[in-house]
Every structure is written in structure tokens, then in C-alpha cells.
Amino acid sequence: MEWYDYIWISVLALAVLFVIIVGYVGAYRLFHPAHGDLEYSRKRENERSPGLMAVYDSWAIAKYTVASRHGYDLAVYHVKANQISKRYVILAHGYGYTHHGVIKYAKMMLSLGFNIIMFDERFHGESGGRFCGMGYYEKDDIFDLVSDTFSRFGQDIILGTYGESMGGAAVILEQALDNRIRFVITDCTFSDLRKLMLYQVKKTIGLPPQPFVFFTNLFFKARTKAWLKDISPVRLVQKTNCPMLFVHGEEDAVIPPEHSRMLFEKCSGPKAVYIARNHARHTDSARYNEEEYINVLNKFFKNIVKLSEEL
């Protein structure tokens, strides 16, 4: 071979290595979040929503654990409704965070007469688990938490689920397996994980997302035993009869609002959608539009879920 052939081979090898490394980094960031501890999330919530953690500290929180079928304990945080009520909601937080991320929703749901069940998802906060499943294994944890909630508080309770971002994907995936759920609410969740990764890779490195996502998919499968395509809420909402509310911030650049619009469009059951204004970015809809958000929730429960006459 000529000397320049070695240069081309070296360049090609470096290009392939670069693609593989980027693919691995993408997968690693999915199943191994950089954060997820209580100290970080508490500090972050204090910065983003001054006074919110003081509200949280004023609640009488009963903490307990629930065993996951996958061999670890989930840290659970229960807040009683302000008055006796059979309404319960399980709140699932987002990627790289803890139950502190859903306090803003718990505050609104308490005002609407709900008992609150928050928890740290697997590999986050004080819960166990060796890696994050981006909703794939989290759906099983939520199912087990639903079973525990009925067992603990009565078979006659009214129970719904409410998830933010990754937690929103998890509650949609869980509902597809569980006919006990009366309603599902998601805030700034993705419609399909593979679609989100294609968007994020292009946004992050400014190059066509393939073949990077191909390798991300392989590495994610090797670690989690799940393909990216297995985490597709939009596929499951097409087969549901459960009332669903999809919320998204109009300026969300992490997961664009088109994801919730697509979920709403494809949802086959009773549904509503709320695209929050006031420069709401990722996870900001309730932060910047609390009064309007509560009105949306009220209408959803009255007109879509039909809870107006039920305690």
C-alpha cells in the first residue's frame, strides 16, 4: 500500500471510533444519570422555586419503603390530603432527579383534595437499583407501588398516576399494563425515546444522528436488556381508554412540546392537552403558570375523568 492509504485507513478508523464513543456516551448518560441525589435536587428546587421546599418541610410526611419485583426497595413519601379523601395520586419524577421534582405538582394536587404518594425512582434518591431504565423498569416499580397503595389504603380508593418527563413515560407504560388506574397526567414527557435521542444527538453535536443512535441503541440494550424502541409511550396511548392529560411548556428545548401534541393526537381515550405559556421551558409549566395549571387540572377532573361527585 502507498503511504496515503495508511492515512485514509487511520482517518476511517478514527471516525468509526468517534462514532462508537459518542454512541456509548449517549447510552451511558441514559442509564447512568449524573445526578439523582436528594441534596442536589433539594438545592436545585430551592433555586428554581424559592419557598417551595419550605412548603415541603411543613408537610407531615410519612416515609416508608416498597419492595420492587426487581430486587430493591423504593423510598416512598406519603402526604395526607387536607381533609379525608379517597383520592390518591402517585407522582413520578424525571431523569436524574428525586421526588423533590414533583413537589410542585403535589402542592396543586393537595389543593384539589388528593392524598399524595411520591417516591424516588430506581437509581435515584434513596431507592435501590443498579441503573436507570428510562421508564422501562420504572413502569414495573409503579405497578408494584400501585398494588401497595391499594393494599395500604383500601381497594375502594380512586387512584391516578402523574409523571414528569421520564416519569411521564413510565406512567404511560405502566397504565398499559394496569386497568386499576383512573387517570394519567404527564408533564413534558417524550412520545418515543428513540425519536428523542435522534433529536438530542443532532442538537448536541450538530451532525446527522445516525449512525450515532445506532450504537447508543446497542449499548443501551447491552446494559438494560431493552431497546430504545421499547420505550414508546405514543405507541401505547393508541390503545388506551384511560383519561389522559398531556402538559408541556411552550419553550421546552429538552423535549419539544411536539411530543405532547403527538401523544394527545394519537391517544384513543378521553383526553386533554395544555401547552403552558409564559416562557415555560422543561419542567417549568407549573412553576410559571400555577393558577392556570390548576384550572386545567380542575376541568380535566370534572369533564374528562368525571370526579366531581367523588371524594
Protein backbone atom coordinates (compact mmCIF):
# COMPACT_ATOMS: atom_id res chain seq x y z
CA MET A 1 0.00 0.00 0.00
CA GLU A 2 1.02 3.56 -0.59
CA TRP A 3 1.70 5.85 2.36
CA TYR A 4 -1.51 7.80 1.80
CA ASP A 5 -3.55 4.58 2.06
CA TYR A 6 -2.43 4.31 5.67
CA ILE A 7 -3.62 7.88 6.24
CA TRP A 8 -7.09 7.09 4.84
CA ILE A 9 -7.31 3.91 6.90
CA SER A 10 -6.28 5.81 10.02
CA VAL A 11 -8.82 8.55 9.36
CA LEU A 12 -11.55 5.98 8.78
CA ALA A 13 -10.61 4.11 11.96
CA LEU A 14 -10.69 7.33 13.99
CA ALA A 15 -14.09 8.23 12.50
CA VAL A 16 -15.52 4.83 13.43
CA LEU A 17 -14.03 5.11 16.92
CA PHE A 18 -15.55 8.58 17.32
CA VAL A 19 -19.00 7.27 16.33
CA ILE A 20 -18.75 4.36 18.76
CA ILE A 21 -17.58 6.58 21.62
CA VAL A 22 -20.38 9.08 21.06
CA GLY A 23 -22.87 6.21 20.88
CA TYR A 24 -21.60 4.78 24.16
CA VAL A 25 -21.62 8.16 25.90
CA GLY A 26 -25.22 8.65 24.77
CA ALA A 27 -26.24 5.28 26.20
CA TYR A 28 -24.27 5.78 29.41
CA ARG A 29 -25.94 9.10 30.04
CA LEU A 30 -29.33 7.38 29.70
CA PHE A 31 -28.78 4.51 32.09
CA HIS A 32 -26.39 6.29 34.47
CA PRO A 33 -27.62 9.86 35.26
CA ALA A 34 -25.03 12.30 36.55
CA HIS A 35 -27.25 13.39 39.44
CA GLY A 36 -30.17 11.88 41.29
CA ASP A 37 -29.30 12.52 44.94
CA LEU A 38 -31.53 14.30 47.45
CA GLU A 39 -29.03 17.01 48.32
CA TYR A 40 -28.71 18.06 44.67
CA SER A 41 -32.45 18.07 43.97
CA ARG A 42 -33.29 19.96 47.15
CA LYS A 43 -30.76 22.68 46.35
CA ARG A 44 -31.97 22.85 42.74
CA GLU A 45 -35.62 23.23 43.76
CA ASN A 46 -34.72 25.98 46.22
CA GLU A 47 -33.02 27.86 43.41
CA ARG A 48 -35.71 27.38 40.78
CA SER A 49 -38.77 27.74 43.03
CA PRO A 50 -37.89 29.85 46.10
CA GLY A 51 -40.13 28.91 49.02
CA LEU A 52 -41.23 25.56 47.59
CA MET A 53 -39.02 23.48 49.86
CA ALA A 54 -40.37 25.41 52.88
CA VAL A 55 -43.83 24.21 51.85
CA TYR A 56 -42.50 20.67 51.58
CA ASP A 57 -40.89 20.91 55.03
CA SER A 58 -44.24 21.98 56.50
CA TRP A 59 -45.94 18.75 55.39
CA ALA A 60 -46.33 15.79 57.73
CA ILE A 61 -44.59 13.25 55.52
CA ALA A 62 -44.84 9.55 56.29
CA LYS A 63 -41.87 7.74 54.79
CA TYR A 64 -41.85 4.01 54.07
CA THR A 65 -40.39 1.56 51.58
CA VAL A 66 -41.98 -0.68 48.98
CA ALA A 67 -40.22 -3.72 47.57
CA SER A 68 -39.70 -3.74 43.80
CA ARG A 69 -40.04 -7.02 41.93
CA HIS A 70 -36.54 -6.27 40.58
CA GLY A 71 -34.89 -6.79 43.95
CA TYR A 72 -34.51 -3.41 45.65
CA ASP A 73 -36.54 -1.06 47.84
CA LEU A 74 -38.28 2.10 46.70
CA ALA A 75 -38.25 5.09 49.06
CA VAL A 76 -41.84 6.36 49.30
CA TYR A 77 -43.17 9.62 50.77
CA HIS A 78 -46.87 9.92 51.68
CA VAL A 79 -48.68 13.19 52.40
CA LYS A 80 -52.30 13.04 53.56
CA ALA A 81 -54.94 15.19 51.92
CA ASN A 82 -56.06 18.30 53.78
CA GLN A 83 -59.36 16.58 54.50
CA ILE A 84 -60.49 12.95 54.47
CA SER A 85 -60.46 11.80 50.86
CA LYS A 86 -60.35 8.61 48.82
CA ARG A 87 -58.50 10.38 46.02
CA TYR A 88 -54.85 9.34 45.65
CA VAL A 89 -52.18 10.15 43.11
CA ILE A 90 -48.75 8.59 42.58
CA LEU A 91 -46.20 11.12 41.36
CA ALA A 92 -43.16 10.03 39.32
CA HIS A 93 -40.22 12.42 38.89
CA GLY A 94 -37.89 12.91 35.96
CA TYR A 95 -34.47 11.69 34.88
CA GLY A 96 -31.51 12.50 37.13
CA TYR A 97 -33.69 13.88 39.92
CA THR A 98 -35.66 12.75 43.01
CA HIS A 99 -39.15 13.07 44.44
CA HIS A 100 -38.32 16.73 45.15
CA GLY A 101 -39.06 17.38 41.49
CA VAL A 102 -42.75 16.57 41.88
CA ILE A 103 -43.39 18.75 44.94
CA LYS A 104 -44.79 21.48 42.67
CA TYR A 105 -47.41 19.02 41.39
CA ALA A 106 -48.08 17.60 44.87
CA LYS A 107 -48.85 21.11 46.08
CA MET A 108 -51.51 21.56 43.39
CA MET A 109 -52.98 18.09 43.85
CA LEU A 110 -53.26 18.62 47.62
CA SER A 111 -55.31 21.75 46.91
CA LEU A 112 -57.63 19.56 44.81
CA GLY A 113 -58.21 17.08 47.63
CA PHE A 114 -55.73 14.33 46.75
CA ASN A 115 -53.58 12.21 49.00
CA ILE A 116 -50.01 12.25 47.69
CA ILE A 117 -47.66 9.34 47.05
CA MET A 118 -44.19 10.45 45.95
CA PHE A 119 -41.20 8.16 45.52
CA ASP A 120 -37.59 8.11 44.41
CA GLU A 121 -37.32 6.10 41.21
CA ARG A 122 -34.77 3.32 40.80
CA PHE A 123 -31.15 4.50 40.82
CA HIS A 124 -32.33 7.87 42.18
CA GLY A 125 -32.58 9.37 45.65
CA GLU A 126 -32.79 6.78 48.41
CA SER A 127 -34.15 3.97 46.23
CA GLY A 128 -32.14 1.00 45.03
CA GLY A 129 -31.42 -0.23 41.53
CA ARG A 130 -28.18 -0.56 39.58
CA PHE A 131 -29.12 1.67 36.64
CA CYS A 132 -31.85 3.89 35.23
CA GLY A 133 -34.27 2.24 32.81
CA MET A 134 -35.73 5.43 31.25
CA GLY A 135 -39.23 4.15 32.07
CA TYR A 136 -38.83 0.51 31.02
CA TYR A 137 -38.25 -0.92 34.51
CA GLU A 138 -39.77 2.08 36.25
CA LYS A 139 -43.18 1.04 34.93
CA ASP A 140 -42.89 -2.21 36.92
CA ASP A 141 -41.96 -0.28 40.05
CA ILE A 142 -45.01 1.93 39.62
CA PHE A 143 -47.22 -1.13 39.15
CA ASP A 144 -45.85 -2.57 42.41
CA LEU A 145 -46.36 0.80 44.10
CA VAL A 146 -49.95 0.90 42.83
CA SER A 147 -50.56 -2.56 44.32
CA ASP A 148 -49.07 -1.46 47.64
CA THR A 149 -51.16 1.73 47.67
CA PHE A 150 -54.42 -0.23 47.22
CA SER A 151 -53.34 -2.72 49.86
CA ARG A 152 -52.27 0.01 52.29
CA PHE A 153 -55.15 2.48 51.89
CA GLY A 154 -58.08 0.39 50.65
CA GLN A 155 -59.38 -1.24 47.48
CA ASP A 156 -62.05 1.44 47.12
CA ILE A 157 -59.69 4.40 46.65
CA ILE A 158 -59.57 6.46 43.45
CA LEU A 159 -56.01 6.23 42.18
CA GLY A 160 -54.28 8.03 39.33
CA THR A 161 -50.69 8.49 38.21
CA TYR A 162 -48.82 11.68 37.32
CA GLY A 163 -45.35 11.81 35.80
CA GLU A 164 -42.81 14.42 34.79
CA SER A 165 -40.51 13.89 31.80
CA MET A 166 -39.13 10.33 32.12
CA GLY A 167 -41.67 9.75 34.90
CA GLY A 168 -44.40 10.66 32.43
CA ALA A 169 -43.22 7.98 30.05
CA ALA A 170 -43.16 5.49 32.93
CA VAL A 171 -46.76 6.14 33.99
CA ILE A 172 -47.99 5.75 30.41
CA LEU A 173 -46.10 2.47 30.05
CA GLU A 174 -47.48 1.30 33.40
CA GLN A 175 -51.06 2.20 32.58
CA ALA A 176 -50.94 -0.04 29.51
CA LEU A 177 -50.50 -2.98 31.93
CA ASP A 178 -52.89 -1.81 34.65
CA ASN A 179 -56.64 -1.28 34.42
CA ARG A 180 -56.81 -0.07 38.04
CA ILE A 181 -55.65 3.44 37.13
CA ARG A 182 -58.42 6.08 36.91
CA PHE A 183 -56.37 8.77 35.14
CA VAL A 184 -52.89 9.60 33.87
CA ILE A 185 -51.26 13.05 33.76
CA THR A 186 -47.91 13.69 32.11
CA ASP A 187 -45.84 16.86 32.06
CA CYS A 188 -43.09 17.44 29.45
CA THR A 189 -42.68 13.77 28.64
CA PHE A 190 -41.36 12.26 25.41
CA SER A 191 -43.50 10.38 22.93
CA ASP A 192 -40.77 7.95 21.88
CA LEU A 193 -37.27 7.53 23.34
CA ARG A 194 -35.62 6.74 20.02
CA LYS A 195 -37.15 9.83 18.44
CA LEU A 196 -35.92 11.92 21.37
CA MET A 197 -32.39 10.55 21.03
CA LEU A 198 -32.31 11.37 17.31
CA TYR A 199 -33.26 14.96 18.21
CA GLN A 200 -30.83 15.23 21.14
CA VAL A 201 -27.82 13.88 19.21
CA LYS A 202 -28.39 16.27 16.31
CA LYS A 203 -28.87 19.17 18.73
CA THR A 204 -25.80 18.29 20.83
CA ILE A 205 -23.16 17.52 18.20
CA GLY A 206 -24.65 19.23 15.17
CA LEU A 207 -24.26 16.16 12.96
CA PRO A 208 -26.76 13.73 11.43
CA PRO A 209 -27.91 11.50 14.32
CA GLN A 210 -27.14 8.25 12.54
CA PRO A 211 -25.08 6.12 12.95
CA PHE A 212 -24.55 7.52 16.49
CA VAL A 213 -28.00 6.49 17.74
CA PHE A 214 -27.49 3.02 16.26
CA PHE A 215 -24.61 2.46 18.69
CA THR A 216 -26.45 4.18 21.54
CA ASN A 217 -29.23 1.66 20.97
CA LEU A 218 -26.79 -1.26 21.07
CA PHE A 219 -25.07 -0.11 24.26
CA PHE A 220 -28.40 0.70 25.94
CA LYS A 221 -29.66 -2.78 25.08
CA ALA A 222 -26.47 -4.40 26.39
CA ARG A 223 -26.87 -2.68 29.79
CA THR A 224 -30.63 -2.59 30.28
CA LYS A 225 -31.88 -5.50 28.11
CA ALA A 226 -34.30 -3.05 26.45
CA TRP A 227 -34.16 -1.39 23.04
CA LEU A 228 -34.89 2.32 22.70
CA LYS A 229 -37.98 1.44 20.65
CA ASP A 230 -39.37 -0.49 23.62
CA ILE A 231 -39.86 2.84 25.43
CA SER A 232 -42.51 4.37 23.20
CA PRO A 233 -45.46 5.96 25.05
CA VAL A 234 -47.02 7.10 21.77
CA ARG A 235 -47.47 3.51 20.67
CA LEU A 236 -49.35 2.64 23.86
CA VAL A 237 -51.67 5.65 24.08
CA GLN A 238 -53.24 4.47 20.83
CA LYS A 239 -54.74 1.52 22.72
CA THR A 240 -55.98 3.15 25.92
CA ASN A 241 -59.37 4.05 27.37
CA CYS A 242 -57.88 5.73 30.44
CA PRO A 243 -58.42 9.51 30.67
CA MET A 244 -55.13 11.32 29.99
CA LEU A 245 -53.91 14.90 30.29
CA PHE A 246 -50.75 15.93 28.44
CA VAL A 247 -48.95 19.09 29.62
CA HIS A 248 -45.90 20.75 28.09
CA GLY A 249 -44.05 24.06 28.24
CA GLU A 250 -44.16 26.03 25.01
CA GLU A 251 -40.40 26.76 25.10
CA ASP A 252 -39.15 23.33 26.15
CA ALA A 253 -35.92 22.67 24.24
CA VAL A 254 -35.03 19.45 26.11
CA ILE A 255 -38.16 17.63 24.97
CA PRO A 256 -40.03 19.83 22.47
CA PRO A 257 -43.79 20.31 23.01
CA GLU A 258 -44.45 18.45 19.76
CA HIS A 259 -44.03 15.26 21.79
CA SER A 260 -47.07 16.01 23.96
CA ARG A 261 -49.03 17.23 20.96
CA MET A 262 -48.35 13.90 19.26
CA LEU A 263 -49.34 11.96 22.38
CA PHE A 264 -52.60 13.90 22.53
CA GLU A 265 -53.29 13.38 18.83
CA LYS A 266 -52.67 9.63 18.97
CA CYS A 267 -54.40 8.99 22.31
CA SER A 268 -57.53 6.88 21.76
CA GLY A 269 -59.19 7.54 25.12
CA PRO A 270 -60.69 10.60 26.83
CA LYS A 271 -58.00 13.26 26.70
CA ALA A 272 -56.91 16.87 27.10
CA VAL A 273 -53.76 18.85 26.33
CA TYR A 274 -52.31 22.00 27.87
CA ILE A 275 -49.35 23.84 26.32
CA ALA A 276 -48.19 26.24 29.02
CA ARG A 277 -47.10 29.75 28.08
CA ASN A 278 -45.17 32.40 29.99
CA HIS A 279 -41.82 31.17 28.59
CA ALA A 280 -42.25 27.75 30.20
CA ARG A 281 -39.23 25.56 29.49
CA HIS A 282 -38.59 21.96 30.56
CA THR A 283 -40.43 21.21 33.86
CA ASP A 284 -41.47 24.89 34.15
CA SER A 285 -45.18 24.72 33.29
CA ALA A 286 -46.35 24.54 36.91
CA ARG A 287 -43.63 26.93 38.09
CA TYR A 288 -44.71 29.82 35.86
CA ASN A 289 -48.41 29.10 35.37
CA GLU A 290 -49.67 27.61 38.64
CA GLU A 291 -53.11 29.24 38.68
CA GLU A 292 -53.86 28.40 35.05
CA TYR A 293 -52.46 24.91 35.53
CA ILE A 294 -54.78 24.26 38.49
CA ASN A 295 -57.73 25.39 36.38
CA VAL A 296 -56.69 22.91 33.67
CA LEU A 297 -56.48 20.14 36.27
CA ASN A 298 -59.90 21.07 37.66
CA LYS A 299 -61.51 20.92 34.22
CA PHE A 300 -59.77 17.63 33.47
CA PHE A 301 -61.07 16.00 36.64
CA LYS A 302 -64.56 17.41 36.22
CA ASN A 303 -65.13 17.00 32.49
CA ILE A 304 -62.83 14.17 31.42
CA VAL A 305 -62.30 11.96 34.49
CA LYS A 306 -65.76 12.79 35.93
CA LEU A 307 -64.58 13.03 39.55
CA SER A 308 -66.76 16.00 40.52
CA GLU A 309 -69.05 13.90 42.72
CA GLU A 310 -66.41 11.60 44.17
CA LEU A 311 -64.37 12.28 47.30
